[in-house]
């Protein structure tokens, strides 16, 4: 009984810390957006001055830089779940900062029973792991693929990322060079999936890692 209470407290604290970290990441992204809007008039004035002087190459370079900055703060992912959108956009922004290309297709079907908080913990953990694995690799080898949608009567979530060598299994999960905390994150994903009557699977091979989740949809 005491041991179970200790486990419950640890899980609650871990989940709270995770959500707090995600909120900080999203707030950072929104701060960039506010800063960009604040500087909008300055950008326009600089472009007008360069155009008046006929410095067209300088204008083109300036516009390319602005486009890159805007791409980093553009919250374009809209899945139908506001909290999940915030987490996904925050993580994609972090991936972009680390030169990791992300391919994503994500729409939540009707009948999803998983709470927003649990979805954020699941997706956040998997994307944290994906980013960390990519950071170990040369930039030209990095990638993350995300799919969220309906598969028959179930919610299907799959995240594939570039990785190094095949990781050894430890039970149903994998060993990690990041230590126990990293392993606890994957175990948390599995436990939350089981909580909603779903199935979690992970596959590691040389060059890539894939995590898949199937959770029944409510009729």
C-alpha atoms as a PDB file:
ATOM      1  CA  UNK A   1       0.000   0.000   0.000  1.00  0.00           C
ATOM      2  CA  UNK A   2       2.727   2.510   0.975  1.00  0.00           C
ATOM      3  CA  UNK A   3       4.814   1.519  -2.039  1.00  0.00           C
ATOM      4  CA  UNK A   4       1.824   2.053  -4.366  1.00  0.00           C
ATOM      5  CA  UNK A   5       1.211   5.497  -2.868  1.00  0.00           C
ATOM      6  CA  UNK A   6       4.878   6.350  -3.438  1.00  0.00           C
ATOM      7  CA  UNK A   7       4.599   5.239  -7.077  1.00  0.00           C
ATOM      8  CA  UNK A   8       1.405   7.301  -7.529  1.00  0.00           C
ATOM      9  CA  UNK A   9       3.073  10.399  -6.052  1.00  0.00           C
ATOM     10  CA  UNK A  10       6.102   9.932  -8.289  1.00  0.00           C
ATOM     11  CA  UNK A  11       3.920   9.611 -11.385  1.00  0.00           C
ATOM     12  CA  UNK A  12       1.876  12.673 -10.413  1.00  0.00           C
ATOM     13  CA  UNK A  13       5.014  14.751  -9.810  1.00  0.00           C
ATOM     14  CA  UNK A  14       6.574  13.555 -13.071  1.00  0.00           C
ATOM     15  CA  UNK A  15       3.422  14.399 -15.030  1.00  0.00           C
ATOM     16  CA  UNK A  16       3.153  17.842 -13.421  1.00  0.00           C
ATOM     17  CA  UNK A  17       6.800  18.639 -14.201  1.00  0.00           C
ATOM     18  CA  UNK A  18       6.313  17.465 -17.779  1.00  0.00           C
ATOM     19  CA  UNK A  19       3.241  19.641 -18.364  1.00  0.00           C
ATOM     20  CA  UNK A  20       5.003  22.627 -16.767  1.00  0.00           C
ATOM     21  CA  UNK A  21       7.952  22.137 -19.133  1.00  0.00           C
ATOM     22  CA  UNK A  22       5.641  21.904 -22.149  1.00  0.00           C
ATOM     23  CA  UNK A  23       3.816  25.081 -21.104  1.00  0.00           C
ATOM     24  CA  UNK A  24       7.173  26.880 -20.832  1.00  0.00           C
ATOM     25  CA  UNK A  25       8.117  25.708 -24.331  1.00  0.00           C
ATOM     26  CA  UNK A  26       4.810  26.873 -25.806  1.00  0.00           C
ATOM     27  CA  UNK A  27       5.044  30.213 -23.977  1.00  0.00           C
ATOM     28  CA  UNK A  28       8.498  30.672 -25.510  1.00  0.00           C
ATOM     29  CA  UNK A  29       7.052  30.071 -28.957  1.00  0.00           C
ATOM     30  CA  UNK A  30       4.231  32.574 -28.369  1.00  0.00           C
ATOM     31  CA  UNK A  31       6.755  35.117 -27.043  1.00  0.00           C
ATOM     32  CA  UNK A  32       8.568  34.870 -30.384  1.00  0.00           C
ATOM     33  CA  UNK A  33       5.284  35.486 -32.186  1.00  0.00           C
ATOM     34  CA  UNK A  34       4.561  38.567 -30.074  1.00  0.00           C
ATOM     35  CA  UNK A  35       8.085  39.853 -30.687  1.00  0.00           C
ATOM     36  CA  UNK A  36       7.750  39.366 -34.444  1.00  0.00           C
ATOM     37  CA  UNK A  37       4.466  41.288 -34.524  1.00  0.00           C
ATOM     38  CA  UNK A  38       6.001  44.057 -32.403  1.00  0.00           C
ATOM     39  CA  UNK A  39       8.837  44.461 -34.923  1.00  0.00           C
ATOM     40  CA  UNK A  40       6.527  44.373 -37.949  1.00  0.00           C
ATOM     41  CA  UNK A  41       6.584  48.151 -38.580  1.00  0.00           C
ATOM     42  CA  UNK A  42      10.372  48.278 -38.217  1.00  0.00           C
ATOM     43  CA  UNK A  43      10.698  45.560 -40.856  1.00  0.00           C
ATOM     44  CA  UNK A  44       8.437  47.460 -43.256  1.00  0.00           C
ATOM     45  CA  UNK A  45      10.408  50.691 -42.790  1.00  0.00           C
ATOM     46  CA  UNK A  46      13.722  48.912 -43.402  1.00  0.00           C
ATOM     47  CA  UNK A  47      12.383  47.333 -46.599  1.00  0.00           C
ATOM     48  CA  UNK A  48      10.975  50.634 -47.856  1.00  0.00           C
ATOM     49  CA  UNK A  49      14.309  52.381 -47.247  1.00  0.00           C
ATOM     50  CA  UNK A  50      16.236  49.682 -49.126  1.00  0.00           C
ATOM     51  CA  UNK A  51      13.754  49.765 -52.030  1.00  0.00           C
ATOM     52  CA  UNK A  52      14.054  53.564 -52.271  1.00  0.00           C
ATOM     53  CA  UNK A  53      17.833  53.198 -52.605  1.00  0.00           C
ATOM     54  CA  UNK A  54      17.488  50.457 -55.217  1.00  0.00           C
ATOM     55  CA  UNK A  55      19.144  47.817 -53.016  1.00  0.00           C
ATOM     56  CA  UNK A  56      17.034  44.961 -54.380  1.00  0.00           C
ATOM     57  CA  UNK A  57      19.429  42.140 -53.468  1.00  0.00           C
ATOM     58  CA  UNK A  58      19.473  43.439 -49.912  1.00  0.00           C
ATOM     59  CA  UNK A  59      15.650  43.422 -49.910  1.00  0.00           C
ATOM     60  CA  UNK A  60      15.579  39.823 -51.154  1.00  0.00           C
ATOM     61  CA  UNK A  61      18.014  38.712 -48.441  1.00  0.00           C
ATOM     62  CA  UNK A  62      15.979  40.528 -45.798  1.00  0.00           C
ATOM     63  CA  UNK A  63      12.748  38.883 -46.983  1.00  0.00           C
ATOM     64  CA  UNK A  64      14.362  35.430 -46.917  1.00  0.00           C
ATOM     65  CA  UNK A  65      15.457  36.003 -43.330  1.00  0.00           C
ATOM     66  CA  UNK A  66      11.974  37.171 -42.317  1.00  0.00           C
ATOM     67  CA  UNK A  67      10.447  34.114 -43.976  1.00  0.00           C
ATOM     68  CA  UNK A  68      12.770  31.815 -42.013  1.00  0.00           C
ATOM     69  CA  UNK A  69      11.875  33.573 -38.749  1.00  0.00           C
ATOM     70  CA  UNK A  70       8.149  33.377 -39.474  1.00  0.00           C
ATOM     71  CA  UNK A  71       8.381  29.684 -40.356  1.00  0.00           C
ATOM     72  CA  UNK A  72       9.842  28.991 -36.913  1.00  0.00           C
ATOM     73  CA  UNK A  73       6.896  30.589 -35.085  1.00  0.00           C
ATOM     74  CA  UNK A  74       4.047  29.640 -37.418  1.00  0.00           C
ATOM     75  CA  UNK A  75       1.502  27.588 -35.451  1.00  0.00           C
ATOM     76  CA  UNK A  76       0.116  25.770 -38.483  1.00  0.00           C
ATOM     77  CA  UNK A  77      -0.719  22.395 -36.896  1.00  0.00           C
ATOM     78  CA  UNK A  78      -4.436  22.125 -36.153  1.00  0.00           C
ATOM     79  CA  UNK A  79      -5.545  18.671 -35.001  1.00  0.00           C
ATOM     80  CA  UNK A  80      -8.846  19.646 -33.392  1.00  0.00           C
ATOM     81  CA  UNK A  81      -7.433  19.478 -29.844  1.00  0.00           C
ATOM     82  CA  UNK A  82      -6.119  22.864 -28.658  1.00  0.00           C
ATOM     83  CA  UNK A  83      -3.712  21.592 -25.967  1.00  0.00           C
ATOM     84  CA  UNK A  84      -2.288  18.986 -28.317  1.00  0.00           C
ATOM     85  CA  UNK A  85      -1.836  21.640 -31.012  1.00  0.00           C
ATOM     86  CA  UNK A  86       0.199  23.692 -28.543  1.00  0.00           C
ATOM     87  CA  UNK A  87       2.434  20.730 -27.675  1.00  0.00           C
ATOM     88  CA  UNK A  88       2.910  19.672 -31.296  1.00  0.00           C
ATOM     89  CA  UNK A  89       3.751  23.180 -32.469  1.00  0.00           C
ATOM     90  CA  UNK A  90       6.118  23.674 -29.548  1.00  0.00           C
ATOM     91  CA  UNK A  91       7.966  20.428 -30.258  1.00  0.00           C
ATOM     92  CA  UNK A  92       8.107  21.099 -34.008  1.00  0.00           C
ATOM     93  CA  UNK A  93       9.598  24.503 -33.217  1.00  0.00           C
ATOM     94  CA  UNK A  94      12.286  22.815 -31.078  1.00  0.00           C
ATOM     95  CA  UNK A  95      12.951  20.326 -33.895  1.00  0.00           C
ATOM     96  CA  UNK A  96      13.385  23.209 -36.364  1.00  0.00           C
ATOM     97  CA  UNK A  97      15.854  24.906 -34.024  1.00  0.00           C
ATOM     98  CA  UNK A  98      17.879  21.673 -34.091  1.00  0.00           C
ATOM     99  CA  UNK A  99      17.691  21.370 -37.906  1.00  0.00           C
ATOM    100  CA  UNK A 100      15.377  18.342 -37.777  1.00  0.00           C
ATOM    101  CA  UNK A 101      12.835  18.196 -40.644  1.00  0.00           C
ATOM    102  CA  UNK A 102       9.359  17.101 -39.520  1.00  0.00           C
ATOM    103  CA  UNK A 103       6.704  15.539 -41.731  1.00  0.00           C
ATOM    104  CA  UNK A 104       3.326  15.523 -40.006  1.00  0.00           C
ATOM    105  CA  UNK A 105      -0.239  14.519 -40.746  1.00  0.00           C
ATOM    106  CA  UNK A 106      -2.424  14.837 -37.663  1.00  0.00           C
ATOM    107  CA  UNK A 107      -6.209  15.000 -37.244  1.00  0.00           C
ATOM    108  CA  UNK A 108      -8.066  13.590 -34.263  1.00  0.00           C
ATOM    109  CA  UNK A 109     -11.164  11.602 -35.252  1.00  0.00           C
ATOM    110  CA  UNK A 110     -14.424  11.696 -33.315  1.00  0.00           C
ATOM    111  CA  UNK A 111     -14.693   9.368 -30.336  1.00  0.00           C
ATOM    112  CA  UNK A 112     -11.254   9.878 -28.769  1.00  0.00           C
ATOM    113  CA  UNK A 113     -11.523   9.007 -25.068  1.00  0.00           C
ATOM    114  CA  UNK A 114      -8.007  10.067 -24.038  1.00  0.00           C
ATOM    115  CA  UNK A 115      -7.833  13.279 -21.998  1.00  0.00           C
ATOM    116  CA  UNK A 116      -5.895  16.283 -23.303  1.00  0.00           C
ATOM    117  CA  UNK A 117      -3.410  16.017 -20.437  1.00  0.00           C
ATOM    118  CA  UNK A 118      -2.687  12.347 -21.146  1.00  0.00           C
ATOM    119  CA  UNK A 119      -2.398  13.005 -24.889  1.00  0.00           C
ATOM    120  CA  UNK A 120       0.142  15.739 -24.165  1.00  0.00           C
ATOM    121  CA  UNK A 121       2.167  13.429 -21.930  1.00  0.00           C
ATOM    122  CA  UNK A 122       2.153  10.660 -24.559  1.00  0.00           C
ATOM    123  CA  UNK A 123       3.035  12.881 -27.519  1.00  0.00           C
ATOM    124  CA  UNK A 124       5.468  15.031 -25.544  1.00  0.00           C
ATOM    125  CA  UNK A 125       7.458  12.038 -24.300  1.00  0.00           C
ATOM    126  CA  UNK A 126       7.704  10.435 -27.727  1.00  0.00           C
ATOM    127  CA  UNK A 127       8.751  13.670 -29.434  1.00  0.00           C
ATOM    128  CA  UNK A 128      11.277  14.485 -26.704  1.00  0.00           C
ATOM    129  CA  UNK A 129      12.864  11.093 -27.343  1.00  0.00           C
ATOM    130  CA  UNK A 130      12.733  11.627 -31.120  1.00  0.00           C
ATOM    131  CA  UNK A 131      14.477  15.004 -30.892  1.00  0.00           C
ATOM    132  CA  UNK A 132      17.174  13.663 -28.555  1.00  0.00           C
ATOM    133  CA  UNK A 133      17.942  10.748 -30.879  1.00  0.00           C
ATOM    134  CA  UNK A 134      18.152  13.064 -33.891  1.00  0.00           C
ATOM    135  CA  UNK A 135      20.541  15.451 -32.147  1.00  0.00           C
ATOM    136  CA  UNK A 136      23.105  12.625 -31.975  1.00  0.00           C
ATOM    137  CA  UNK A 137      23.186  12.338 -35.782  1.00  0.00           C
ATOM    138  CA  UNK A 138      24.627  14.433 -38.644  1.00  0.00           C
ATOM    139  CA  UNK A 139      22.093  17.025 -39.852  1.00  0.00           C
ATOM    140  CA  UNK A 140      21.638  15.369 -43.249  1.00  0.00           C
ATOM    141  CA  UNK A 141      20.403  12.152 -41.573  1.00  0.00           C
ATOM    142  CA  UNK A 142      17.818  13.742 -39.254  1.00  0.00           C
ATOM    143  CA  UNK A 143      14.043  13.367 -39.618  1.00  0.00           C
ATOM    144  CA  UNK A 144      10.811  12.909 -37.669  1.00  0.00           C
ATOM    145  CA  UNK A 145       7.538  11.600 -39.109  1.00  0.00           C
ATOM    146  CA  UNK A 146       4.268  11.991 -37.178  1.00  0.00           C
ATOM    147  CA  UNK A 147       0.888  10.485 -38.031  1.00  0.00           C
ATOM    148  CA  UNK A 148      -2.301  10.825 -35.983  1.00  0.00           C
ATOM    149  CA  UNK A 149      -5.621   9.647 -37.368  1.00  0.00           C
ATOM    150  CA  UNK A 150      -8.240   6.921 -37.517  1.00  0.00           C
ATOM    151  CA  UNK A 151      -7.452   3.293 -38.285  1.00  0.00           C
ATOM    152  CA  UNK A 152     -10.640   1.249 -38.545  1.00  0.00           C
ATOM    153  CA  UNK A 153     -12.321   1.726 -35.132  1.00  0.00           C
ATOM    154  CA  UNK A 154      -9.210   2.977 -33.338  1.00  0.00           C
ATOM    155  CA  UNK A 155      -7.130   6.083 -32.813  1.00  0.00           C
ATOM    156  CA  UNK A 156      -3.755   5.465 -34.450  1.00  0.00           C
ATOM    157  CA  UNK A 157      -0.646   7.427 -33.485  1.00  0.00           C
ATOM    158  CA  UNK A 158       2.769   6.703 -34.989  1.00  0.00           C
ATOM    159  CA  UNK A 159       6.046   8.560 -34.577  1.00  0.00           C
ATOM    160  CA  UNK A 160       9.151   7.509 -36.520  1.00  0.00           C
ATOM    161  CA  UNK A 161      12.510   9.189 -36.081  1.00  0.00           C
ATOM    162  CA  UNK A 162      16.071   8.846 -37.266  1.00  0.00           C
ATOM    163  CA  UNK A 163      18.281   6.983 -34.812  1.00  0.00           C
ATOM    164  CA  UNK A 164      21.709   5.412 -34.530  1.00  0.00           C
ATOM    165  CA  UNK A 165      22.266   1.726 -33.992  1.00  0.00           C
ATOM    166  CA  UNK A 166      19.525  -0.679 -32.976  1.00  0.00           C
ATOM    167  CA  UNK A 167      18.716  -0.375 -29.268  1.00  0.00           C
ATOM    168  CA  UNK A 168      18.667  -3.494 -27.056  1.00  0.00           C
ATOM    169  CA  UNK A 169      15.295  -4.416 -25.580  1.00  0.00           C
ATOM    170  CA  UNK A 170      14.547  -4.292 -21.872  1.00  0.00           C
ATOM    171  CA  UNK A 171      11.281  -6.140 -21.419  1.00  0.00           C
ATOM    172  CA  UNK A 172       8.715  -4.614 -23.749  1.00  0.00           C
ATOM    173  CA  UNK A 173      10.719  -1.355 -24.031  1.00  0.00           C
ATOM    174  CA  UNK A 174      14.350  -0.440 -24.749  1.00  0.00           C
ATOM    175  CA  UNK A 175      17.513   0.409 -22.870  1.00  0.00           C
ATOM    176  CA  UNK A 176      18.704   3.991 -23.184  1.00  0.00           C
ATOM    177  CA  UNK A 177      21.936   5.913 -22.805  1.00  0.00           C
ATOM    178  CA  UNK A 178      19.908   8.660 -21.096  1.00  0.00           C
ATOM    179  CA  UNK A 179      19.333   6.489 -18.043  1.00  0.00           C
ATOM    180  CA  UNK A 180      16.282   5.638 -15.912  1.00  0.00           C
ATOM    181  CA  UNK A 181      14.392   8.894 -16.476  1.00  0.00           C
ATOM    182  CA  UNK A 182      14.307   8.313 -20.226  1.00  0.00           C
ATOM    183  CA  UNK A 183      13.099   4.746 -19.723  1.00  0.00           C
ATOM    184  CA  UNK A 184      10.470   5.944 -17.257  1.00  0.00           C
ATOM    185  CA  UNK A 185       9.106   8.255 -19.966  1.00  0.00           C
ATOM    186  CA  UNK A 186       8.503   5.387 -22.399  1.00  0.00           C
ATOM    187  CA  UNK A 187       7.039   3.274 -19.601  1.00  0.00           C
ATOM    188  CA  UNK A 188       4.670   6.162 -18.838  1.00  0.00           C
ATOM    189  CA  UNK A 189       3.534   6.224 -22.470  1.00  0.00           C
ATOM    190  CA  UNK A 190       2.845   2.499 -22.337  1.00  0.00           C
ATOM    191  CA  UNK A 191       0.923   2.724 -19.044  1.00  0.00           C
ATOM    192  CA  UNK A 192      -1.270   5.566 -20.321  1.00  0.00           C
ATOM    193  CA  UNK A 193      -2.016   3.623 -23.504  1.00  0.00           C
ATOM    194  CA  UNK A 194      -3.057   0.583 -21.461  1.00  0.00           C
ATOM    195  CA  UNK A 195      -5.174   2.860 -19.223  1.00  0.00           C
ATOM    196  CA  UNK A 196      -7.452   3.514 -22.212  1.00  0.00           C
ATOM    197  CA  UNK A 197      -7.539  -0.110 -23.348  1.00  0.00           C
ATOM    198  CA  UNK A 198      -4.981   0.415 -26.079  1.00  0.00           C
ATOM    199  CA  UNK A 199      -1.817  -1.197 -27.396  1.00  0.00           C
ATOM    200  CA  UNK A 200       1.675   0.331 -27.464  1.00  0.00           C
ATOM    201  CA  UNK A 201       4.500  -1.058 -29.559  1.00  0.00           C
ATOM    202  CA  UNK A 202       8.004   0.176 -30.299  1.00  0.00           C
ATOM    203  CA  UNK A 203      10.497  -1.054 -32.856  1.00  0.00           C
ATOM    204  CA  UNK A 204      14.185  -0.171 -33.034  1.00  0.00           C
ATOM    205  CA  UNK A 205      16.455  -0.860 -35.970  1.00  0.00           C
ATOM    206  CA  UNK A 206      19.676   0.568 -37.352  1.00  0.00           C
ATOM    207  CA  UNK A 207      18.846   4.074 -38.548  1.00  0.00           C
ATOM    208  CA  UNK A 208      15.359   4.431 -37.126  1.00  0.00           C
ATOM    209  CA  UNK A 209      12.941   4.083 -34.213  1.00  0.00           C
ATOM    210  CA  UNK A 210       9.134   3.782 -34.462  1.00  0.00           C
ATOM    211  CA  UNK A 211       6.523   4.023 -31.719  1.00  0.00           C
ATOM    212  CA  UNK A 212       2.909   3.065 -32.495  1.00  0.00           C
ATOM    213  CA  UNK A 213      -0.246   3.418 -30.412  1.00  0.00           C
ATOM    214  CA  UNK A 214      -3.738   2.035 -31.025  1.00  0.00           C
ATOM    215  CA  UNK A 215      -6.585   3.105 -28.713  1.00  0.00           C
ATOM    216  CA  UNK A 216     -10.259   2.153 -29.267  1.00  0.00           C
ATOM    217  CA  UNK A 217     -12.572   4.999 -30.259  1.00  0.00           C
ATOM    218  CA  UNK A 218     -15.872   5.530 -28.496  1.00  0.00           C
ATOM    219  CA  UNK A 219     -18.826   4.722 -30.716  1.00  0.00           C
END
